[in-house]
Amino acid sequence: PMTDLVFTAEVAVGLLIALVGGFILAMLARRRAIARGKVLTMCGLRPGPGASWRSGFVRFGEDVIEWYALGGVSVRPRHTWQRRRLDIGAPVAMSPGEGLDAIHNAVRVACSHDGETFDLALAEPAYTALRSWVESAPPGATSAVT
């Protein structure tokens, strides 16, 4: 009776620990699969004015930047933006209460891509990397940094 209850509780706790450990391992494996040897950094996305921030990762490719949601199991990007058609604005420092505290010293950057406007929130070094990436487009590119 009492020993059965203790045994059941131990099994339940053991299963819970195994599930949490499995979840953490799955998230680490997903992040590694997303990176595929390229630069991957935390990035918030606000799809439009008044929308809430969504946490995720951005990955810089040769000609595209890809945004992946922080949670989930998919290794496919939710958003992909072409370097030649991406316009980025000047960075604006974000205050701690703006809804994206996961990124230390985040800056908000207004962006547009083929008429779609959105905001990205990045750490300052990641913004510098984004700006350099956009500006380093091959000759003839139509991207602009304002």
Foldseek 3Di string as FASTA:
>chain_A
DVVVVVVVVVVVVVVVVVVVVVVVVLLVVLVCLLAVVFDKFKKWKAQDPPGAIFIFIWTDDLFKIFTDGSDDRDSHGPDIAGLLFKEKEDWAFDDCPRHDNPAPRWTWIWMDGPRGIIIMIHHVVVVVVVVCSSVPDDPPRNYYYD
